[in-house]
Amino acid sequence: MMSRYVLRGKIEIDSEAISYQYNFWDTPGFESWTKDKIRKRLEGILKEPKSDILCMIYCASPGSYANLQQLRWLLDE
């Protein structure tokens, strides 16, 4: 199951207060996803308001197994 974490804040630029929001999506179990599941999960994220994808961070624990095919599918989407 994916989880969304939200960081909100305000910053002042040229005497104007600007509000911002960053969404962080945690995608545990990604290494077992199919290409279709990856596509559906990304479509779900993009349907959320203000959820344009700026970057992706892939973290793997030492000694863990990473299936590069799933990573390639994610990057291709």
PDB file of N, CA and C in Angstrom:
ATOM      1  N   MET A   1       0.838  -1.174   0.000  1.00  0.00           N
ATOM      2  CA  MET A   1       0.000   0.000   0.000  1.00  0.00           C
ATOM      3  C   MET A   1       0.888   1.244   0.000  1.00  0.00           C
ATOM      4  N   MET A   2       0.540   2.184  -0.844  1.00  0.00           N
ATOM      5  CA  MET A   2       1.289   3.440  -0.902  1.00  0.00           C
ATOM      6  C   MET A   2       0.808   4.367   0.211  1.00  0.00           C
ATOM      7  N   SER A   3       1.726   5.136   0.740  1.00  0.00           N
ATOM      8  CA  SER A   3       1.389   6.142   1.749  1.00  0.00           C
ATOM      9  C   SER A   3       1.858   7.498   1.268  1.00  0.00           C
ATOM     10  N   ARG A   4       1.054   8.520   1.538  1.00  0.00           N
ATOM     11  CA  ARG A   4       1.423   9.886   1.166  1.00  0.00           C
ATOM     12  C   ARG A   4       1.764  10.668   2.426  1.00  0.00           C
ATOM     13  N   TYR A   5       2.868  11.375   2.365  1.00  0.00           N
ATOM     14  CA  TYR A   5       3.296  12.265   3.439  1.00  0.00           C
ATOM     15  C   TYR A   5       3.362  13.666   2.851  1.00  0.00           C
ATOM     16  N   VAL A   6       2.862  14.639   3.591  1.00  0.00           N
ATOM     17  CA  VAL A   6       2.743  16.004   3.072  1.00  0.00           C
ATOM     18  C   VAL A   6       3.567  16.956   3.929  1.00  0.00           C
ATOM     19  N   LEU A   7       4.318  17.819   3.268  1.00  0.00           N
ATOM     20  CA  LEU A   7       5.066  18.890   3.924  1.00  0.00           C
ATOM     21  C   LEU A   7       4.515  20.208   3.397  1.00  0.00           C
ATOM     22  N   ARG A   8       3.977  21.018   4.293  1.00  0.00           N
ATOM     23  CA  ARG A   8       3.416  22.322   3.909  1.00  0.00           C
ATOM     24  C   ARG A   8       4.179  23.428   4.631  1.00  0.00           C
ATOM     25  N   GLY A   9       4.218  24.580   3.997  1.00  0.00           N
ATOM     26  CA  GLY A   9       4.871  25.712   4.624  1.00  0.00           C
ATOM     27  C   GLY A   9       4.598  27.000   3.877  1.00  0.00           C
ATOM     28  N   LYS A  10       5.153  28.066   4.402  1.00  0.00           N
ATOM     29  CA  LYS A  10       5.050  29.383   3.767  1.00  0.00           C
ATOM     30  C   LYS A  10       6.427  30.014   3.798  1.00  0.00           C
ATOM     31  N   ILE A  11       6.692  30.789   2.773  1.00  0.00           N
ATOM     32  CA  ILE A  11       7.948  31.526   2.689  1.00  0.00           C
ATOM     33  C   ILE A  11       7.625  32.919   2.167  1.00  0.00           C
ATOM     34  N   GLU A  12       8.364  33.887   2.634  1.00  0.00           N
ATOM     35  CA  GLU A  12       8.136  35.258   2.179  1.00  0.00           C
ATOM     36  C   GLU A  12       9.155  35.608   1.100  1.00  0.00           C
ATOM     37  N   ILE A  13       8.637  36.042  -0.035  1.00  0.00           N
ATOM     38  CA  ILE A  13       9.481  36.468  -1.151  1.00  0.00           C
ATOM     39  C   ILE A  13       9.005  37.841  -1.594  1.00  0.00           C
ATOM     40  N   ASP A  14       9.894  38.824  -1.549  1.00  0.00           N
ATOM     41  CA  ASP A  14       9.550  40.198  -1.937  1.00  0.00           C
ATOM     42  C   ASP A  14       8.286  40.681  -1.233  1.00  0.00           C
ATOM     43  N   SER A  15       8.227  40.492   0.078  1.00  0.00           N
ATOM     44  CA  SER A  15       7.101  40.924   0.920  1.00  0.00           C
ATOM     45  C   SER A  15       5.788  40.211   0.591  1.00  0.00           C
ATOM     46  N   GLU A  16       5.860  39.113  -0.117  1.00  0.00           N
ATOM     47  CA  GLU A  16       4.663  38.331  -0.438  1.00  0.00           C
ATOM     48  C   GLU A  16       4.812  36.934   0.161  1.00  0.00           C
ATOM     49  N   ALA A  17       3.788  36.494   0.893  1.00  0.00           N
ATOM     50  CA  ALA A  17       3.807  35.161   1.493  1.00  0.00           C
ATOM     51  C   ALA A  17       3.381  34.129   0.445  1.00  0.00           C
ATOM     52  N   ILE A  18       4.238  33.164   0.210  1.00  0.00           N
ATOM     53  CA  ILE A  18       3.979  32.101  -0.756  1.00  0.00           C
ATOM     54  C   ILE A  18       3.801  30.789   0.012  1.00  0.00           C
ATOM     55  N   SER A  19       2.672  30.132  -0.209  1.00  0.00           N
ATOM     56  CA  SER A  19       2.430  28.826   0.405  1.00  0.00           C
ATOM     57  C   SER A  19       2.940  27.736  -0.529  1.00  0.00           C
ATOM     58  N   TYR A  20       3.450  26.659   0.059  1.00  0.00           N
ATOM     59  CA  TYR A  20       3.903  25.534  -0.750  1.00  0.00           C
ATOM     60  C   TYR A  20       3.488  24.222  -0.100  1.00  0.00           C
ATOM     61  N   GLN A  21       3.483  23.180  -0.911  1.00  0.00           N
ATOM     62  CA  GLN A  21       3.167  21.840  -0.431  1.00  0.00           C
ATOM     63  C   GLN A  21       3.964  20.833  -1.243  1.00  0.00           C
ATOM     64  N   TYR A  22       4.638  19.932  -0.555  1.00  0.00           N
ATOM     65  CA  TYR A  22       5.347  18.826  -1.198  1.00  0.00           C
ATOM     66  C   TYR A  22       4.700  17.525  -0.751  1.00  0.00           C
ATOM     67  N   ASN A  23       4.427  16.651  -1.703  1.00  0.00           N
ATOM     68  CA  ASN A  23       3.884  15.329  -1.413  1.00  0.00           C
ATOM     69  C   ASN A  23       4.992  14.305  -1.591  1.00  0.00           C
ATOM     70  N   PHE A  24       5.171  13.458  -0.592  1.00  0.00           N
ATOM     71  CA  PHE A  24       6.135  12.367  -0.656  1.00  0.00           C
ATOM     72  C   PHE A  24       5.345  11.064  -0.635  1.00  0.00           C
ATOM     73  N   TRP A  25       5.592  10.209  -1.614  1.00  0.00           N
ATOM     74  CA  TRP A  25       4.870   8.938  -1.725  1.00  0.00           C
ATOM     75  C   TRP A  25       5.814   7.800  -1.375  1.00  0.00           C
ATOM     76  N   ASP A  26       5.438   7.006  -0.393  1.00  0.00           N
ATOM     77  CA  ASP A  26       6.199   5.830   0.001  1.00  0.00           C
ATOM     78  C   ASP A  26       5.584   4.621  -0.712  1.00  0.00           C
ATOM     79  N   THR A  27       6.400   3.875  -1.430  1.00  0.00           N
ATOM     80  CA  THR A  27       5.897   2.763  -2.250  1.00  0.00           C
ATOM     81  C   THR A  27       6.557   1.447  -1.846  1.00  0.00           C
ATOM     82  N   PRO A  28       6.255   0.935  -0.648  1.00  0.00           N
ATOM     83  CA  PRO A  28       6.889  -0.315  -0.220  1.00  0.00           C
ATOM     84  C   PRO A  28       6.459  -1.494  -1.091  1.00  0.00           C
ATOM     85  N   GLY A  29       7.359  -2.446  -1.258  1.00  0.00           N
ATOM     86  CA  GLY A  29       7.058  -3.629  -2.048  1.00  0.00           C
ATOM     87  C   GLY A  29       7.174  -3.424  -3.541  1.00  0.00           C
ATOM     88  N   PHE A  30       7.701  -2.288  -3.930  1.00  0.00           N
ATOM     89  CA  PHE A  30       7.829  -1.916  -5.345  1.00  0.00           C
ATOM     90  C   PHE A  30       8.511  -3.001  -6.181  1.00  0.00           C
ATOM     91  N   GLU A  31       9.475  -3.703  -5.588  1.00  0.00           N
ATOM     92  CA  GLU A  31      10.240  -4.688  -6.357  1.00  0.00           C
ATOM     93  C   GLU A  31       9.397  -5.868  -6.843  1.00  0.00           C
ATOM     94  N   SER A  32       8.192  -6.047  -6.297  1.00  0.00           N
ATOM     95  CA  SER A  32       7.333  -7.148  -6.757  1.00  0.00           C
ATOM     96  C   SER A  32       6.200  -6.668  -7.666  1.00  0.00           C
ATOM     97  N   TRP A  33       6.145  -5.384  -7.967  1.00  0.00           N
ATOM     98  CA  TRP A  33       5.067  -4.845  -8.797  1.00  0.00           C
ATOM     99  C   TRP A  33       5.240  -5.264 -10.254  1.00  0.00           C
ATOM    100  N   THR A  34       4.112  -5.420 -10.935  1.00  0.00           N
ATOM    101  CA  THR A  34       4.126  -5.668 -12.376  1.00  0.00           C
ATOM    102  C   THR A  34       4.157  -4.323 -13.099  1.00  0.00           C
ATOM    103  N   LYS A  35       4.432  -4.368 -14.386  1.00  0.00           N
ATOM    104  CA  LYS A  35       4.445  -3.131 -15.177  1.00  0.00           C
ATOM    105  C   LYS A  35       3.080  -2.445 -15.119  1.00  0.00           C
ATOM    106  N   ASP A  36       2.004  -3.223 -15.189  1.00  0.00           N
ATOM    107  CA  ASP A  36       0.651  -2.669 -15.133  1.00  0.00           C
ATOM    108  C   ASP A  36       0.371  -2.021 -13.778  1.00  0.00           C
ATOM    109  N   LYS A  37       0.829  -2.654 -12.697  1.00  0.00           N
ATOM    110  CA  LYS A  37       0.618  -2.097 -11.359  1.00  0.00           C
ATOM    111  C   LYS A  37       1.387  -0.782 -11.191  1.00  0.00           C
ATOM    112  N   ILE A  38       2.606  -0.730 -11.711  1.00  0.00           N
ATOM    113  CA  ILE A  38       3.390   0.507 -11.646  1.00  0.00           C
ATOM    114  C   ILE A  38       2.651   1.625 -12.373  1.00  0.00           C
ATOM    115  N   ARG A  39       2.142   1.326 -13.561  1.00  0.00           N
ATOM    116  CA  ARG A  39       1.407   2.323 -14.354  1.00  0.00           C
ATOM    117  C   ARG A  39       0.170   2.816 -13.588  1.00  0.00           C
ATOM    118  N   LYS A  40      -0.585   1.894 -12.998  1.00  0.00           N
ATOM    119  CA  LYS A  40      -1.799   2.270 -12.256  1.00  0.00           C
ATOM    120  C   LYS A  40      -1.468   3.108 -11.025  1.00  0.00           C
ATOM    121  N   ARG A  41      -0.395   2.755 -10.320  1.00  0.00           N
ATOM    122  CA  ARG A  41      -0.011   3.530  -9.129  1.00  0.00           C
ATOM    123  C   ARG A  41       0.403   4.951  -9.510  1.00  0.00           C
ATOM    124  N   LEU A  42       1.168   5.095 -10.586  1.00  0.00           N
ATOM    125  CA  LEU A  42       1.575   6.431 -11.029  1.00  0.00           C
ATOM    126  C   LEU A  42       0.373   7.242 -11.496  1.00  0.00           C
ATOM    127  N   GLU A  43      -0.556   6.603 -12.195  1.00  0.00           N
ATOM    128  CA  GLU A  43      -1.773   7.301 -12.617  1.00  0.00           C
ATOM    129  C   GLU A  43      -2.557   7.780 -11.400  1.00  0.00           C
ATOM    130  N   GLY A  44      -2.612   6.962 -10.354  1.00  0.00           N
ATOM    131  CA  GLY A  44      -3.298   7.354  -9.124  1.00  0.00           C
ATOM    132  C   GLY A  44      -2.655   8.565  -8.469  1.00  0.00           C
ATOM    133  N   ILE A  45      -1.331   8.589  -8.447  1.00  0.00           N
ATOM    134  CA  ILE A  45      -0.620   9.740  -7.876  1.00  0.00           C
ATOM    135  C   ILE A  45      -0.919  10.996  -8.687  1.00  0.00           C
ATOM    136  N   LEU A  46      -0.850  10.888 -10.007  1.00  0.00           N
ATOM    137  CA  LEU A  46      -1.036  12.060 -10.864  1.00  0.00           C
ATOM    138  C   LEU A  46      -2.463  12.599 -10.838  1.00  0.00           C
ATOM    139  N   LYS A  47      -3.430  11.787 -10.423  1.00  0.00           N
ATOM    140  CA  LYS A  47      -4.814  12.256 -10.315  1.00  0.00           C
ATOM    141  C   LYS A  47      -5.034  13.107  -9.068  1.00  0.00           C
ATOM    142  N   GLU A  48      -4.127  13.015  -8.105  1.00  0.00           N
ATOM    143  CA  GLU A  48      -4.235  13.822  -6.893  1.00  0.00           C
ATOM    144  C   GLU A  48      -3.928  15.282  -7.233  1.00  0.00           C
ATOM    145  N   PRO A  49      -4.641  16.219  -6.603  1.00  0.00           N
ATOM    146  CA  PRO A  49      -4.360  17.639  -6.870  1.00  0.00           C
ATOM    147  C   PRO A  49      -2.908  17.991  -6.532  1.00  0.00           C
ATOM    148  N   LYS A  50      -2.305  18.792  -7.371  1.00  0.00           N
ATOM    149  CA  LYS A  50      -0.944  19.297  -7.160  1.00  0.00           C
ATOM    150  C   LYS A  50       0.069  18.176  -6.934  1.00  0.00           C
ATOM    151  N   SER A  51      -0.012  17.132  -7.724  1.00  0.00           N
ATOM    152  CA  SER A  51       0.901  16.001  -7.552  1.00  0.00           C
ATOM    153  C   SER A  51       1.757  15.744  -8.785  1.00  0.00           C
ATOM    154  N   ASP A  52       2.231  16.801  -9.406  1.00  0.00           N
ATOM    155  CA  ASP A  52       3.185  16.623 -10.501  1.00  0.00           C
ATOM    156  C   ASP A  52       4.461  16.015  -9.922  1.00  0.00           C
ATOM    157  N   ILE A  53       5.016  15.040 -10.606  1.00  0.00           N
ATOM    158  CA  ILE A  53       6.205  14.356 -10.105  1.00  0.00           C
ATOM    159  C   ILE A  53       7.442  15.178 -10.463  1.00  0.00           C
ATOM    160  N   LEU A  54       8.162  15.627  -9.438  1.00  0.00           N
ATOM    161  CA  LEU A  54       9.383  16.400  -9.645  1.00  0.00           C
ATOM    162  C   LEU A  54      10.612  15.512  -9.661  1.00  0.00           C
ATOM    163  N   CYS A  55      10.626  14.519  -8.794  1.00  0.00           N
ATOM    164  CA  CYS A  55      11.764  13.610  -8.752  1.00  0.00           C
ATOM    165  C   CYS A  55      11.343  12.302  -8.093  1.00  0.00           C
ATOM    166  N   MET A  56      12.175  11.274  -8.281  1.00  0.00           N
ATOM    167  CA  MET A  56      11.971   9.984  -7.635  1.00  0.00           C
ATOM    168  C   MET A  56      13.267   9.613  -6.942  1.00  0.00           C
ATOM    169  N   ILE A  57      13.135   9.092  -5.742  1.00  0.00           N
ATOM    170  CA  ILE A  57      14.294   8.635  -4.978  1.00  0.00           C
ATOM    171  C   ILE A  57      14.099   7.151  -4.713  1.00  0.00           C
ATOM    172  N   TYR A  58      15.045   6.346  -5.140  1.00  0.00           N
ATOM    173  CA  TYR A  58      14.969   4.903  -4.922  1.00  0.00           C
ATOM    174  C   TYR A  58      15.981   4.537  -3.850  1.00  0.00           C
ATOM    175  N   CYS A  59      15.516   3.968  -2.758  1.00  0.00           N
ATOM    176  CA  CYS A  59      16.390   3.564  -1.657  1.00  0.00           C
ATOM    177  C   CYS A  59      16.367   2.048  -1.531  1.00  0.00           C
ATOM    178  N   ALA A  60      17.518   1.460  -1.389  1.00  0.00           N
ATOM    179  CA  ALA A  60      17.621   0.017  -1.175  1.00  0.00           C
ATOM    180  C   ALA A  60      18.529  -0.227   0.023  1.00  0.00           C
ATOM    181  N   SER A  61      18.130  -1.140   0.872  1.00  0.00           N
ATOM    182  CA  SER A  61      18.931  -1.492   2.040  1.00  0.00           C
ATOM    183  C   SER A  61      20.144  -2.306   1.601  1.00  0.00           C
ATOM    184  N   PRO A  62      21.248  -2.194   2.335  1.00  0.00           N
ATOM    185  CA  PRO A  62      22.420  -3.013   2.004  1.00  0.00           C
ATOM    186  C   PRO A  62      22.046  -4.498   2.018  1.00  0.00           C
ATOM    187  N   GLY A  63      22.468  -5.215   1.011  1.00  0.00           N
ATOM    188  CA  GLY A  63      22.184  -6.638   0.930  1.00  0.00           C
ATOM    189  C   GLY A  63      20.802  -6.968   0.398  1.00  0.00           C
ATOM    190  N   SER A  64      20.009  -5.947   0.062  1.00  0.00           N
ATOM    191  CA  SER A  64      18.665  -6.212  -0.463  1.00  0.00           C
ATOM    192  C   SER A  64      18.741  -6.476  -1.963  1.00  0.00           C
ATOM    193  N   TYR A  65      17.663  -6.997  -2.499  1.00  0.00           N
ATOM    194  CA  TYR A  65      17.606  -7.333  -3.916  1.00  0.00           C
ATOM    195  C   TYR A  65      16.787  -6.283  -4.646  1.00  0.00           C
ATOM    196  N   ALA A  66      17.310  -5.740  -5.698  1.00  0.00           N
ATOM    197  CA  ALA A  66      16.579  -4.767  -6.516  1.00  0.00           C
ATOM    198  C   ALA A  66      16.439  -5.338  -7.916  1.00  0.00           C
ATOM    199  N   ASN A  67      15.201  -5.488  -8.359  1.00  0.00           N
ATOM    200  CA  ASN A  67      14.951  -5.956  -9.716  1.00  0.00           C
ATOM    201  C   ASN A  67      15.011  -4.744 -10.630  1.00  0.00           C
ATOM    202  N   LEU A  68      16.026  -4.667 -11.429  1.00  0.00           N
ATOM    203  CA  LEU A  68      16.220  -3.493 -12.272  1.00  0.00           C
ATOM    204  C   LEU A  68      15.126  -3.343 -13.319  1.00  0.00           C
ATOM    205  N   GLN A  69      14.428  -4.436 -13.666  1.00  0.00           N
ATOM    206  CA  GLN A  69      13.339  -4.333 -14.636  1.00  0.00           C
ATOM    207  C   GLN A  69      12.216  -3.456 -14.079  1.00  0.00           C
ATOM    208  N   GLN A  70      11.839  -3.635 -12.809  1.00  0.00           N
ATOM    209  CA  GLN A  70      10.809  -2.788 -12.211  1.00  0.00           C
ATOM    210  C   GLN A  70      11.261  -1.331 -12.175  1.00  0.00           C
ATOM    211  N   LEU A  71      12.502  -1.106 -11.860  1.00  0.00           N
ATOM    212  CA  LEU A  71      13.016   0.259 -11.836  1.00  0.00           C
ATOM    213  C   LEU A  71      12.976   0.872 -13.233  1.00  0.00           C
ATOM    214  N   ARG A  72      13.311   0.107 -14.240  1.00  0.00           N
ATOM    215  CA  ARG A  72      13.253   0.600 -15.621  1.00  0.00           C
ATOM    216  C   ARG A  72      11.814   0.948 -16.008  1.00  0.00           C
ATOM    217  N   TRP A  73      10.857   0.089 -15.642  1.00  0.00           N
ATOM    218  CA  TRP A  73       9.446   0.369 -15.938  1.00  0.00           C
ATOM    219  C   TRP A  73       9.012   1.675 -15.292  1.00  0.00           C
ATOM    220  N   LEU A  74       9.422   1.870 -14.034  1.00  0.00           N
ATOM    221  CA  LEU A  74       9.048   3.092 -13.316  1.00  0.00           C
ATOM    222  C   LEU A  74       9.623   4.318 -14.010  1.00  0.00           C
ATOM    223  N   LEU A  75      10.881   4.265 -14.384  1.00  0.00           N
ATOM    224  CA  LEU A  75      11.519   5.404 -15.047  1.00  0.00           C
ATOM    225  C   LEU A  75      10.949   5.649 -16.440  1.00  0.00           C
ATOM    226  N   ASP A  76      10.541   4.591 -17.129  1.00  0.00           N
ATOM    227  CA  ASP A  76       9.952   4.740 -18.461  1.00  0.00           C
ATOM    228  C   ASP A  76       8.579   5.401 -18.420  1.00  0.00           C
ATOM    229  N   GLU A  77       7.866   5.225 -17.323  1.00  0.00           N
ATOM    230  CA  GLU A  77       6.530   5.816 -17.212  1.00  0.00           C
ATOM    231  C   GLU A  77       6.652   7.312 -17.079  1.00  0.00           C
TER     232      GLU A  77
END
